[in-house]
Amino acid sequence: MHIYGIKNCNTVKKALTWLDENGIPYTFHDFKKEGITLAKLEAWEQQVGWEPLVNKRGTTWRQLPAEAQSAVVDAASANALMQEKTSVIKRPVIETSNGIVVGFDTAEYEAKLK
């Protein structure tokens, strides 16, 4: 299992704690330090679309100028933003053998990760 996120993000911390408490091994990829490839974003979008990957509730999105926000209208524009500002990617993204899980939801983790 591979976890993508930012180490100091509270939601990522909750997810990692849940995985540790449930004895689920994982490797961690830090967006801030390692970035994200277009190929990886496109692979995720094949499973969930681009919209769930853009965190429109987060500080990074809210601090964007209105023009930048309104320019995100499709996968190409979302991918450009997510590669430029990795903090706008909803976190964590968890890759499993059965697909990806985006965000942190205990019930979803119970159903899909155990």
PDB file of N, CA and C in Angstrom:
ATOM      1  N   MET A   1       0.846  -1.170   0.000  1.00  0.00           N
ATOM      2  CA  MET A   1       0.000   0.000   0.000  1.00  0.00           C
ATOM      3  C   MET A   1       0.894   1.237   0.000  1.00  0.00           C
ATOM      4  N   HIS A   2       0.501   2.205  -0.793  1.00  0.00           N
ATOM      5  CA  HIS A   2       1.297   3.422  -0.915  1.00  0.00           C
ATOM      6  C   HIS A   2       0.412   4.616  -0.550  1.00  0.00           C
ATOM      7  N   ILE A   3       0.892   5.450   0.367  1.00  0.00           N
ATOM      8  CA  ILE A   3       0.154   6.621   0.838  1.00  0.00           C
ATOM      9  C   ILE A   3       0.827   7.871   0.279  1.00  0.00           C
ATOM     10  N   TYR A   4       0.019   8.740  -0.328  1.00  0.00           N
ATOM     11  CA  TYR A   4       0.512  10.019  -0.853  1.00  0.00           C
ATOM     12  C   TYR A   4      -0.101  11.135  -0.025  1.00  0.00           C
ATOM     13  N   GLY A   5       0.731  12.078   0.400  1.00  0.00           N
ATOM     14  CA  GLY A   5       0.223  13.191   1.187  1.00  0.00           C
ATOM     15  C   GLY A   5       1.339  14.121   1.612  1.00  0.00           C
ATOM     16  N   ILE A   6       1.063  14.875   2.653  1.00  0.00           N
ATOM     17  CA  ILE A   6       2.030  15.798   3.240  1.00  0.00           C
ATOM     18  C   ILE A   6       2.142  15.423   4.711  1.00  0.00           C
ATOM     19  N   LYS A   7       3.350  15.195   5.164  1.00  0.00           N
ATOM     20  CA  LYS A   7       3.582  14.632   6.502  1.00  0.00           C
ATOM     21  C   LYS A   7       2.940  15.445   7.630  1.00  0.00           C
ATOM     22  N   ASN A   8       2.920  16.781   7.508  1.00  0.00           N
ATOM     23  CA  ASN A   8       2.384  17.580   8.622  1.00  0.00           C
ATOM     24  C   ASN A   8       0.892  17.887   8.482  1.00  0.00           C
ATOM     25  N   CYS A   9       0.225  17.306   7.499  1.00  0.00           N
ATOM     26  CA  CYS A   9      -1.219  17.496   7.315  1.00  0.00           C
ATOM     27  C   CYS A   9      -1.976  16.693   8.382  1.00  0.00           C
ATOM     28  N   ASN A  10      -2.913  17.338   9.063  1.00  0.00           N
ATOM     29  CA  ASN A  10      -3.663  16.657  10.123  1.00  0.00           C
ATOM     30  C   ASN A  10      -4.449  15.457   9.612  1.00  0.00           C
ATOM     31  N   THR A  11      -5.034  15.556   8.430  1.00  0.00           N
ATOM     32  CA  THR A  11      -5.792  14.440   7.877  1.00  0.00           C
ATOM     33  C   THR A  11      -4.873  13.276   7.555  1.00  0.00           C
ATOM     34  N   VAL A  12      -3.696  13.563   7.031  1.00  0.00           N
ATOM     35  CA  VAL A  12      -2.723  12.515   6.748  1.00  0.00           C
ATOM     36  C   VAL A  12      -2.277  11.877   8.062  1.00  0.00           C
ATOM     37  N   LYS A  13      -2.053  12.679   9.080  1.00  0.00           N
ATOM     38  CA  LYS A  13      -1.653  12.137  10.382  1.00  0.00           C
ATOM     39  C   LYS A  13      -2.716  11.179  10.914  1.00  0.00           C
ATOM     40  N   LYS A  14      -3.996  11.547  10.783  1.00  0.00           N
ATOM     41  CA  LYS A  14      -5.091  10.669  11.225  1.00  0.00           C
ATOM     42  C   LYS A  14      -5.064   9.354  10.461  1.00  0.00           C
ATOM     43  N   ALA A  15      -4.866   9.447   9.153  1.00  0.00           N
ATOM     44  CA  ALA A  15      -4.850   8.241   8.321  1.00  0.00           C
ATOM     45  C   ALA A  15      -3.680   7.339   8.693  1.00  0.00           C
ATOM     46  N   LEU A  16      -2.496   7.924   8.868  1.00  0.00           N
ATOM     47  CA  LEU A  16      -1.321   7.122   9.219  1.00  0.00           C
ATOM     48  C   LEU A  16      -1.492   6.481  10.589  1.00  0.00           C
ATOM     49  N   THR A  17      -2.071   7.216  11.522  1.00  0.00           N
ATOM     50  CA  THR A  17      -2.333   6.665  12.851  1.00  0.00           C
ATOM     51  C   THR A  17      -3.288   5.477  12.754  1.00  0.00           C
ATOM     52  N   TRP A  18      -4.353   5.632  11.954  1.00  0.00           N
ATOM     53  CA  TRP A  18      -5.328   4.554  11.780  1.00  0.00           C
ATOM     54  C   TRP A  18      -4.650   3.325  11.181  1.00  0.00           C
ATOM     55  N   LEU A  19      -3.837   3.528  10.159  1.00  0.00           N
ATOM     56  CA  LEU A  19      -3.133   2.403   9.528  1.00  0.00           C
ATOM     57  C   LEU A  19      -2.190   1.726  10.516  1.00  0.00           C
ATOM     58  N   ASP A  20      -1.439   2.526  11.283  1.00  0.00           N
ATOM     59  CA  ASP A  20      -0.521   1.967  12.280  1.00  0.00           C
ATOM     60  C   ASP A  20      -1.278   1.173  13.335  1.00  0.00           C
ATOM     61  N   GLU A  21      -2.374   1.752  13.835  1.00  0.00           N
ATOM     62  CA  GLU A  21      -3.166   1.085  14.878  1.00  0.00           C
ATOM     63  C   GLU A  21      -3.789  -0.214  14.383  1.00  0.00           C
ATOM     64  N   ASN A  22      -4.018  -0.312  13.081  1.00  0.00           N
ATOM     65  CA  ASN A  22      -4.617  -1.511  12.510  1.00  0.00           C
ATOM     66  C   ASN A  22      -3.582  -2.449  11.889  1.00  0.00           C
ATOM     67  N   GLY A  23      -2.308  -2.137  12.115  1.00  0.00           N
ATOM     68  CA  GLY A  23      -1.234  -3.009  11.671  1.00  0.00           C
ATOM     69  C   GLY A  23      -1.131  -3.160  10.158  1.00  0.00           C
ATOM     70  N   ILE A  24      -1.475  -2.104   9.435  1.00  0.00           N
ATOM     71  CA  ILE A  24      -1.441  -2.151   7.973  1.00  0.00           C
ATOM     72  C   ILE A  24      -0.155  -1.481   7.489  1.00  0.00           C
ATOM     73  N   PRO A  25       0.709  -2.252   6.837  1.00  0.00           N
ATOM     74  CA  PRO A  25       1.982  -1.678   6.363  1.00  0.00           C
ATOM     75  C   PRO A  25       1.771  -0.780   5.143  1.00  0.00           C
ATOM     76  N   TYR A  26       2.616   0.227   5.011  1.00  0.00           N
ATOM     77  CA  TYR A  26       2.505   1.163   3.895  1.00  0.00           C
ATOM     78  C   TYR A  26       3.850   1.828   3.648  1.00  0.00           C
ATOM     79  N   THR A  27       3.975   2.440   2.481  1.00  0.00           N
ATOM     80  CA  THR A  27       5.090   3.331   2.209  1.00  0.00           C
ATOM     81  C   THR A  27       4.487   4.708   2.002  1.00  0.00           C
ATOM     82  N   PHE A  28       5.255   5.741   2.315  1.00  0.00           N
ATOM     83  CA  PHE A  28       4.736   7.109   2.278  1.00  0.00           C
ATOM     84  C   PHE A  28       5.472   7.939   1.241  1.00  0.00           C
ATOM     85  N   HIS A  29       4.708   8.688   0.467  1.00  0.00           N
ATOM     86  CA  HIS A  29       5.249   9.609  -0.540  1.00  0.00           C
ATOM     87  C   HIS A  29       4.809  11.016  -0.156  1.00  0.00           C
ATOM     88  N   ASP A  30       5.756  11.878   0.152  1.00  0.00           N
ATOM     89  CA  ASP A  30       5.461  13.251   0.560  1.00  0.00           C
ATOM     90  C   ASP A  30       5.434  14.169  -0.661  1.00  0.00           C
ATOM     91  N   PHE A  31       4.237  14.697  -0.970  1.00  0.00           N
ATOM     92  CA  PHE A  31       4.078  15.606  -2.106  1.00  0.00           C
ATOM     93  C   PHE A  31       5.043  16.783  -2.039  1.00  0.00           C
ATOM     94  N   LYS A  32       5.218  17.337  -0.841  1.00  0.00           N
ATOM     95  CA  LYS A  32       6.059  18.533  -0.683  1.00  0.00           C
ATOM     96  C   LYS A  32       7.505  18.258  -1.077  1.00  0.00           C
ATOM     97  N   LYS A  33       8.010  17.086  -0.692  1.00  0.00           N
ATOM     98  CA  LYS A  33       9.407  16.754  -0.939  1.00  0.00           C
ATOM     99  C   LYS A  33       9.625  16.082  -2.292  1.00  0.00           C
ATOM    100  N   GLU A  34       8.656  15.271  -2.724  1.00  0.00           N
ATOM    101  CA  GLU A  34       8.866  14.442  -3.908  1.00  0.00           C
ATOM    102  C   GLU A  34       8.024  14.851  -5.115  1.00  0.00           C
ATOM    103  N   GLY A  35       7.066  15.766  -4.920  1.00  0.00           N
ATOM    104  CA  GLY A  35       6.213  16.181  -6.023  1.00  0.00           C
ATOM    105  C   GLY A  35       5.276  15.074  -6.463  1.00  0.00           C
ATOM    106  N   ILE A  36       4.655  15.264  -7.615  1.00  0.00           N
ATOM    107  CA  ILE A  36       3.734  14.264  -8.164  1.00  0.00           C
ATOM    108  C   ILE A  36       3.831  14.331  -9.686  1.00  0.00           C
ATOM    109  N   THR A  37       3.820  13.189 -10.314  1.00  0.00           N
ATOM    110  CA  THR A  37       3.948  13.159 -11.774  1.00  0.00           C
ATOM    111  C   THR A  37       2.576  13.274 -12.434  1.00  0.00           C
ATOM    112  N   LEU A  38       2.595  13.763 -13.654  1.00  0.00           N
ATOM    113  CA  LEU A  38       1.365  13.832 -14.442  1.00  0.00           C
ATOM    114  C   LEU A  38       0.809  12.429 -14.662  1.00  0.00           C
ATOM    115  N   ALA A  39       1.676  11.471 -14.905  1.00  0.00           N
ATOM    116  CA  ALA A  39       1.233  10.088 -15.122  1.00  0.00           C
ATOM    117  C   ALA A  39       0.485   9.553 -13.903  1.00  0.00           C
ATOM    118  N   LYS A  40       0.968   9.868 -12.709  1.00  0.00           N
ATOM    119  CA  LYS A  40       0.308   9.405 -11.479  1.00  0.00           C
ATOM    120  C   LYS A  40      -1.064  10.051 -11.344  1.00  0.00           C
ATOM    121  N   LEU A  41      -1.144  11.373 -11.563  1.00  0.00           N
ATOM    122  CA  LEU A  41      -2.438  12.059 -11.493  1.00  0.00           C
ATOM    123  C   LEU A  41      -3.423  11.466 -12.496  1.00  0.00           C
ATOM    124  N   GLU A  42      -2.961  11.226 -13.703  1.00  0.00           N
ATOM    125  CA  GLU A  42      -3.838  10.663 -14.738  1.00  0.00           C
ATOM    126  C   GLU A  42      -4.302   9.254 -14.381  1.00  0.00           C
ATOM    127  N   ALA A  43      -3.436   8.465 -13.762  1.00  0.00           N
ATOM    128  CA  ALA A  43      -3.818   7.119 -13.337  1.00  0.00           C
ATOM    129  C   ALA A  43      -4.920   7.188 -12.277  1.00  0.00           C
ATOM    130  N   TRP A  44      -4.768   8.111 -11.326  1.00  0.00           N
ATOM    131  CA  TRP A  44      -5.803   8.278 -10.303  1.00  0.00           C
ATOM    132  C   TRP A  44      -7.119   8.743 -10.926  1.00  0.00           C
ATOM    133  N   GLU A  45      -7.009   9.660 -11.881  1.00  0.00           N
ATOM    134  CA  GLU A  45      -8.204  10.199 -12.526  1.00  0.00           C
ATOM    135  C   GLU A  45      -8.962   9.133 -13.304  1.00  0.00           C
ATOM    136  N   GLN A  46      -8.268   8.120 -13.776  1.00  0.00           N
ATOM    137  CA  GLN A  46      -8.936   7.003 -14.450  1.00  0.00           C
ATOM    138  C   GLN A  46      -9.881   6.289 -13.486  1.00  0.00           C
ATOM    139  N   GLN A  47      -9.573   6.371 -12.193  1.00  0.00           N
ATOM    140  CA  GLN A  47     -10.372   5.669 -11.188  1.00  0.00           C
ATOM    141  C   GLN A  47     -11.445   6.549 -10.556  1.00  0.00           C
ATOM    142  N   VAL A  48     -11.115   7.822 -10.278  1.00  0.00           N
ATOM    143  CA  VAL A  48     -12.059   8.661  -9.527  1.00  0.00           C
ATOM    144  C   VAL A  48     -12.402   9.982 -10.216  1.00  0.00           C
ATOM    145  N   GLY A  49     -11.778  10.279 -11.347  1.00  0.00           N
ATOM    146  CA  GLY A  49     -11.980  11.577 -11.982  1.00  0.00           C
ATOM    147  C   GLY A  49     -11.064  12.618 -11.344  1.00  0.00           C
ATOM    148  N   TRP A  50     -11.009  13.806 -11.915  1.00  0.00           N
ATOM    149  CA  TRP A  50     -10.107  14.830 -11.388  1.00  0.00           C
ATOM    150  C   TRP A  50     -10.718  15.619 -10.239  1.00  0.00           C
ATOM    151  N   GLU A  51     -12.036  15.767 -10.235  1.00  0.00           N
ATOM    152  CA  GLU A  51     -12.685  16.613  -9.225  1.00  0.00           C
ATOM    153  C   GLU A  51     -12.403  16.203  -7.780  1.00  0.00           C
ATOM    154  N   PRO A  52     -12.499  14.904  -7.439  1.00  0.00           N
ATOM    155  CA  PRO A  52     -12.234  14.523  -6.043  1.00  0.00           C
ATOM    156  C   PRO A  52     -10.795  14.756  -5.600  1.00  0.00           C
ATOM    157  N   LEU A  53      -9.885  14.919  -6.548  1.00  0.00           N
ATOM    158  CA  LEU A  53      -8.482  15.109  -6.194  1.00  0.00           C
ATOM    159  C   LEU A  53      -8.136  16.554  -5.855  1.00  0.00           C
ATOM    160  N   VAL A  54      -8.988  17.496  -6.263  1.00  0.00           N
ATOM    161  CA  VAL A  54      -8.736  18.915  -5.992  1.00  0.00           C
ATOM    162  C   VAL A  54      -9.445  19.274  -4.693  1.00  0.00           C
ATOM    163  N   ASN A  55      -8.671  19.653  -3.687  1.00  0.00           N
ATOM    164  CA  ASN A  55      -9.228  19.990  -2.379  1.00  0.00           C
ATOM    165  C   ASN A  55      -9.671  21.457  -2.367  1.00  0.00           C
ATOM    166  N   LYS A  56     -10.942  21.670  -2.653  1.00  0.00           N
ATOM    167  CA  LYS A  56     -11.465  23.033  -2.716  1.00  0.00           C
ATOM    168  C   LYS A  56     -11.833  23.579  -1.337  1.00  0.00           C
ATOM    169  N   ARG A  57     -11.665  22.777  -0.297  1.00  0.00           N
ATOM    170  CA  ARG A  57     -11.931  23.233   1.064  1.00  0.00           C
ATOM    171  C   ARG A  57     -10.673  23.696   1.784  1.00  0.00           C
ATOM    172  N   GLY A  58      -9.528  23.382   1.223  1.00  0.00           N
ATOM    173  CA  GLY A  58      -8.260  23.649   1.895  1.00  0.00           C
ATOM    174  C   GLY A  58      -7.777  25.081   1.762  1.00  0.00           C
ATOM    175  N   THR A  59      -6.828  25.414   2.595  1.00  0.00           N
ATOM    176  CA  THR A  59      -6.242  26.747   2.629  1.00  0.00           C
ATOM    177  C   THR A  59      -5.598  27.117   1.300  1.00  0.00           C
ATOM    178  N   THR A  60      -4.888  26.180   0.684  1.00  0.00           N
ATOM    179  CA  THR A  60      -4.198  26.481  -0.576  1.00  0.00           C
ATOM    180  C   THR A  60      -5.202  26.925  -1.633  1.00  0.00           C
ATOM    181  N   TRP A  61      -6.310  26.213  -1.770  1.00  0.00           N
ATOM    182  CA  TRP A  61      -7.337  26.590  -2.746  1.00  0.00           C
ATOM    183  C   TRP A  61      -7.929  27.955  -2.414  1.00  0.00           C
ATOM    184  N   ARG A  62      -8.261  28.155  -1.156  1.00  0.00           N
ATOM    185  CA  ARG A  62      -8.912  29.413  -0.750  1.00  0.00           C
ATOM    186  C   ARG A  62      -7.987  30.612  -0.943  1.00  0.00           C
ATOM    187  N   GLN A  63      -6.684  30.401  -0.904  1.00  0.00           N
ATOM    188  CA  GLN A  63      -5.739  31.501  -1.083  1.00  0.00           C
ATOM    189  C   GLN A  63      -5.450  31.797  -2.550  1.00  0.00           C
ATOM    190  N   LEU A  64      -5.926  30.943  -3.439  1.00  0.00           N
ATOM    191  CA  LEU A  64      -5.726  31.199  -4.874  1.00  0.00           C
ATOM    192  C   LEU A  64      -6.588  32.380  -5.308  1.00  0.00           C
ATOM    193  N   PRO A  65      -6.107  33.179  -6.231  1.00  0.00           N
ATOM    194  CA  PRO A  65      -6.947  34.245  -6.782  1.00  0.00           C
ATOM    195  C   PRO A  65      -8.170  33.631  -7.470  1.00  0.00           C
ATOM    196  N   ALA A  66      -9.263  34.356  -7.509  1.00  0.00           N
ATOM    197  CA  ALA A  66     -10.496  33.866  -8.126  1.00  0.00           C
ATOM    198  C   ALA A  66     -10.266  33.421  -9.565  1.00  0.00           C
ATOM    199  N   GLU A  67      -9.391  34.133 -10.282  1.00  0.00           N
ATOM    200  CA  GLU A  67      -9.115  33.773 -11.675  1.00  0.00           C
ATOM    201  C   GLU A  67      -8.474  32.384 -11.753  1.00  0.00           C
ATOM    202  N   ALA A  68      -7.574  32.093 -10.841  1.00  0.00           N
ATOM    203  CA  ALA A  68      -6.911  30.787 -10.836  1.00  0.00           C
ATOM    204  C   ALA A  68      -7.913  29.684 -10.494  1.00  0.00           C
ATOM    205  N   GLN A  69      -8.794  29.954  -9.541  1.00  0.00           N
ATOM    206  CA  GLN A  69      -9.813  28.972  -9.186  1.00  0.00           C
ATOM    207  C   GLN A  69     -10.746  28.701 -10.366  1.00  0.00           C
ATOM    208  N   SER A  70     -11.201  29.763 -11.004  1.00  0.00           N
ATOM    209  CA  SER A  70     -12.161  29.587 -12.105  1.00  0.00           C
ATOM    210  C   SER A  70     -11.505  28.987 -13.345  1.00  0.00           C
ATOM    211  N   ALA A  71     -10.184  28.987 -13.400  1.00  0.00           N
ATOM    212  CA  ALA A  71      -9.475  28.401 -14.536  1.00  0.00           C
ATOM    213  C   ALA A  71      -9.399  26.872 -14.449  1.00  0.00           C
ATOM    214  N   VAL A  72      -9.727  26.306 -13.291  1.00  0.00           N
ATOM    215  CA  VAL A  72      -9.697  24.845 -13.130  1.00  0.00           C
ATOM    216  C   VAL A  72     -11.044  24.300 -13.598  1.00  0.00           C
ATOM    217  N   VAL A  73     -11.054  23.864 -14.854  1.00  0.00           N
ATOM    218  CA  VAL A  73     -12.324  23.463 -15.479  1.00  0.00           C
ATOM    219  C   VAL A  73     -12.291  22.042 -16.044  1.00  0.00           C
ATOM    220  N   ASP A  74     -11.113  21.436 -16.097  1.00  0.00           N
ATOM    221  CA  ASP A  74     -10.999  20.089 -16.648  1.00  0.00           C
ATOM    222  C   ASP A  74      -9.749  19.427 -16.076  1.00  0.00           C
ATOM    223  N   ALA A  75      -9.524  18.185 -16.504  1.00  0.00           N
ATOM    224  CA  ALA A  75      -8.376  17.437 -15.976  1.00  0.00           C
ATOM    225  C   ALA A  75      -7.054  18.129 -16.275  1.00  0.00           C
ATOM    226  N   ALA A  76      -6.904  18.671 -17.464  1.00  0.00           N
ATOM    227  CA  ALA A  76      -5.628  19.308 -17.832  1.00  0.00           C
ATOM    228  C   ALA A  76      -5.328  20.502 -16.936  1.00  0.00           C
ATOM    229  N   SER A  77      -6.313  21.364 -16.717  1.00  0.00           N
ATOM    230  CA  SER A  77      -6.081  22.541 -15.874  1.00  0.00           C
ATOM    231  C   SER A  77      -5.913  22.139 -14.408  1.00  0.00           C
ATOM    232  N   ALA A  78      -6.644  21.138 -13.961  1.00  0.00           N
ATOM    233  CA  ALA A  78      -6.498  20.653 -12.582  1.00  0.00           C
ATOM    234  C   ALA A  78      -5.114  20.040 -12.383  1.00  0.00           C
ATOM    235  N   ASN A  79      -4.656  19.263 -13.361  1.00  0.00           N
ATOM    236  CA  ASN A  79      -3.340  18.624 -13.247  1.00  0.00           C
ATOM    237  C   ASN A  79      -2.221  19.652 -13.191  1.00  0.00           C
ATOM    238  N   ALA A  80      -2.333  20.692 -14.000  1.00  0.00           N
ATOM    239  CA  ALA A  80      -1.315  21.750 -13.981  1.00  0.00           C
ATOM    240  C   ALA A  80      -1.251  22.388 -12.602  1.00  0.00           C
ATOM    241  N   LEU A  81      -2.417  22.669 -12.021  1.00  0.00           N
ATOM    242  CA  LEU A  81      -2.458  23.272 -10.685  1.00  0.00           C
ATOM    243  C   LEU A  81      -1.916  22.307  -9.634  1.00  0.00           C
ATOM    244  N   MET A  82      -2.331  21.037  -9.692  1.00  0.00           N
ATOM    245  CA  MET A  82      -1.885  20.070  -8.685  1.00  0.00           C
ATOM    246  C   MET A  82      -0.381  19.824  -8.749  1.00  0.00           C
ATOM    247  N   GLN A  83       0.205  19.916  -9.933  1.00  0.00           N
ATOM    248  CA  GLN A  83       1.651  19.751 -10.022  1.00  0.00           C
ATOM    249  C   GLN A  83       2.380  21.000  -9.538  1.00  0.00           C
ATOM    250  N   GLU A  84       1.802  22.162  -9.780  1.00  0.00           N
ATOM    251  CA  GLU A  84       2.420  23.407  -9.349  1.00  0.00           C
ATOM    252  C   GLU A  84       2.271  23.608  -7.840  1.00  0.00           C
ATOM    253  N   LYS A  85       1.084  23.323  -7.332  1.00  0.00           N
ATOM    254  CA  LYS A  85       0.788  23.512  -5.909  1.00  0.00           C
ATOM    255  C   LYS A  85       0.270  22.187  -5.348  1.00  0.00           C
ATOM    256  N   THR A  86       1.190  21.311  -4.957  1.00  0.00           N
ATOM    257  CA  THR A  86       0.793  19.979  -4.501  1.00  0.00           C
ATOM    258  C   THR A  86      -0.105  20.021  -3.266  1.00  0.00           C
ATOM    259  N   SER A  87      -0.079  21.119  -2.529  1.00  0.00           N
ATOM    260  CA  SER A  87      -0.930  21.229  -1.338  1.00  0.00           C
ATOM    261  C   SER A  87      -2.413  21.286  -1.679  1.00  0.00           C
ATOM    262  N   VAL A  88      -2.746  21.491  -2.953  1.00  0.00           N
ATOM    263  CA  VAL A  88      -4.150  21.561  -3.348  1.00  0.00           C
ATOM    264  C   VAL A  88      -4.734  20.156  -3.597  1.00  0.00           C
ATOM    265  N   ILE A  89      -3.882  19.134  -3.572  1.00  0.00           N
ATOM    266  CA  ILE A  89      -4.367  17.764  -3.757  1.00  0.00           C
ATOM    267  C   ILE A  89      -5.009  17.292  -2.462  1.00  0.00           C
ATOM    268  N   LYS A  90      -6.222  16.750  -2.572  1.00  0.00           N
ATOM    269  CA  LYS A  90      -6.905  16.214  -1.389  1.00  0.00           C
ATOM    270  C   LYS A  90      -6.068  15.077  -0.834  1.00  0.00           C
ATOM    271  N   ARG A  91      -5.942  15.049   0.485  1.00  0.00           N
ATOM    272  CA  ARG A  91      -5.053  14.096   1.128  1.00  0.00           C
ATOM    273  C   ARG A  91      -5.772  13.279   2.189  1.00  0.00           C
ATOM    274  N   PRO A  92      -5.206  12.099   2.421  1.00  0.00           N
ATOM    275  CA  PRO A  92      -4.218  11.394   1.630  1.00  0.00           C
ATOM    276  C   PRO A  92      -4.868  10.707   0.427  1.00  0.00           C
ATOM    277  N   VAL A  93      -4.026  10.299  -0.503  1.00  0.00           N
ATOM    278  CA  VAL A  93      -4.449   9.400  -1.574  1.00  0.00           C
ATOM    279  C   VAL A  93      -3.763   8.075  -1.269  1.00  0.00           C
ATOM    280  N   ILE A  94      -4.560   7.032  -1.139  1.00  0.00           N
ATOM    281  CA  ILE A  94      -4.019   5.716  -0.791  1.00  0.00           C
ATOM    282  C   ILE A  94      -4.216   4.777  -1.971  1.00  0.00           C
ATOM    283  N   GLU A  95      -3.112   4.246  -2.459  1.00  0.00           N
ATOM    284  CA  GLU A  95      -3.167   3.256  -3.533  1.00  0.00           C
ATOM    285  C   GLU A  95      -3.190   1.865  -2.911  1.00  0.00           C
ATOM    286  N   THR A  96      -4.193   1.094  -3.291  1.00  0.00           N
ATOM    287  CA  THR A  96      -4.298  -0.286  -2.832  1.00  0.00           C
ATOM    288  C   THR A  96      -4.360  -1.186  -4.056  1.00  0.00           C
ATOM    289  N   SER A  97      -4.340  -2.476  -3.833  1.00  0.00           N
ATOM    290  CA  SER A  97      -4.456  -3.409  -4.952  1.00  0.00           C
ATOM    291  C   SER A  97      -5.851  -3.352  -5.571  1.00  0.00           C
ATOM    292  N   ASN A  98      -6.806  -2.784  -4.856  1.00  0.00           N
ATOM    293  CA  ASN A  98      -8.183  -2.672  -5.349  1.00  0.00           C
ATOM    294  C   ASN A  98      -8.532  -1.277  -5.833  1.00  0.00           C
ATOM    295  N   GLY A  99      -7.553  -0.397  -6.017  1.00  0.00           N
ATOM    296  CA  GLY A  99      -7.836   0.967  -6.459  1.00  0.00           C
ATOM    297  C   GLY A  99      -7.369   1.973  -5.433  1.00  0.00           C
ATOM    298  N   ILE A 100      -7.866   3.214  -5.555  1.00  0.00           N
ATOM    299  CA  ILE A 100      -7.431   4.267  -4.642  1.00  0.00           C
ATOM    300  C   ILE A 100      -8.556   4.702  -3.717  1.00  0.00           C
ATOM    301  N   VAL A 101      -8.127   5.241  -2.584  1.00  0.00           N
ATOM    302  CA  VAL A 101      -9.021   5.855  -1.606  1.00  0.00           C
ATOM    303  C   VAL A 101      -8.508   7.274  -1.409  1.00  0.00           C
ATOM    304  N   VAL A 102      -9.410   8.257  -1.482  1.00  0.00           N
ATOM    305  CA  VAL A 102      -9.020   9.662  -1.354  1.00  0.00           C
ATOM    306  C   VAL A 102      -9.626  10.228  -0.077  1.00  0.00           C
ATOM    307  N   GLY A 103      -8.776  10.848   0.753  1.00  0.00           N
ATOM    308  CA  GLY A 103      -9.247  11.455   1.993  1.00  0.00           C
ATOM    309  C   GLY A 103      -9.198  10.467   3.143  1.00  0.00           C
ATOM    310  N   PHE A 104      -9.791  10.866   4.269  1.00  0.00           N
ATOM    311  CA  PHE A 104      -9.826  10.000   5.448  1.00  0.00           C
ATOM    312  C   PHE A 104     -11.254   9.826   5.915  1.00  0.00           C
ATOM    313  N   ASP A 105     -11.702   8.591   5.920  1.00  0.00           N
ATOM    314  CA  ASP A 105     -13.031   8.245   6.406  1.00  0.00           C
ATOM    315  C   ASP A 105     -12.914   6.869   7.053  1.00  0.00           C
ATOM    316  N   THR A 106     -13.132   6.809   8.359  1.00  0.00           N
ATOM    317  CA  THR A 106     -12.939   5.566   9.105  1.00  0.00           C
ATOM    318  C   THR A 106     -13.756   4.423   8.517  1.00  0.00           C
ATOM    319  N   ALA A 107     -15.030   4.661   8.198  1.00  0.00           N
ATOM    320  CA  ALA A 107     -15.880   3.611   7.661  1.00  0.00           C
ATOM    321  C   ALA A 107     -15.353   3.095   6.319  1.00  0.00           C
ATOM    322  N   GLU A 108     -14.907   4.005   5.470  1.00  0.00           N
ATOM    323  CA  GLU A 108     -14.362   3.606   4.183  1.00  0.00           C
ATOM    324  C   GLU A 108     -13.068   2.811   4.371  1.00  0.00           C
ATOM    325  N   TYR A 109     -12.241   3.246   5.312  1.00  0.00           N
ATOM    326  CA  TYR A 109     -10.999   2.524   5.582  1.00  0.00           C
ATOM    327  C   TYR A 109     -11.303   1.112   6.083  1.00  0.00           C
ATOM    328  N   GLU A 110     -12.271   1.014   6.988  1.00  0.00           N
ATOM    329  CA  GLU A 110     -12.672  -0.299   7.514  1.00  0.00           C
ATOM    330  C   GLU A 110     -13.107  -1.222   6.381  1.00  0.00           C
ATOM    331  N   ALA A 111     -13.865  -0.670   5.435  1.00  0.00           N
ATOM    332  CA  ALA A 111     -14.405  -1.474   4.339  1.00  0.00           C
ATOM    333  C   ALA A 111     -13.372  -1.818   3.282  1.00  0.00           C
ATOM    334  N   LYS A 112     -12.474  -0.881   2.976  1.00  0.00           N
ATOM    335  CA  LYS A 112     -11.589  -1.063   1.827  1.00  0.00           C
ATOM    336  C   LYS A 112     -10.151  -1.411   2.156  1.00  0.00           C
ATOM    337  N   LEU A 113      -9.696  -1.147   3.372  1.00  0.00           N
ATOM    338  CA  LEU A 113      -8.274  -1.301   3.664  1.00  0.00           C
ATOM    339  C   LEU A 113      -7.946  -2.472   4.579  1.00  0.00           C
ATOM    340  N   LYS A 114      -8.926  -3.006   5.251  1.00  0.00           N
ATOM    341  CA  LYS A 114      -8.619  -4.119   6.179  1.00  0.00           C
ATOM    342  C   LYS A 114      -8.635  -5.444   5.463  1.00  0.00           C
TER     343      LYS A 114
END
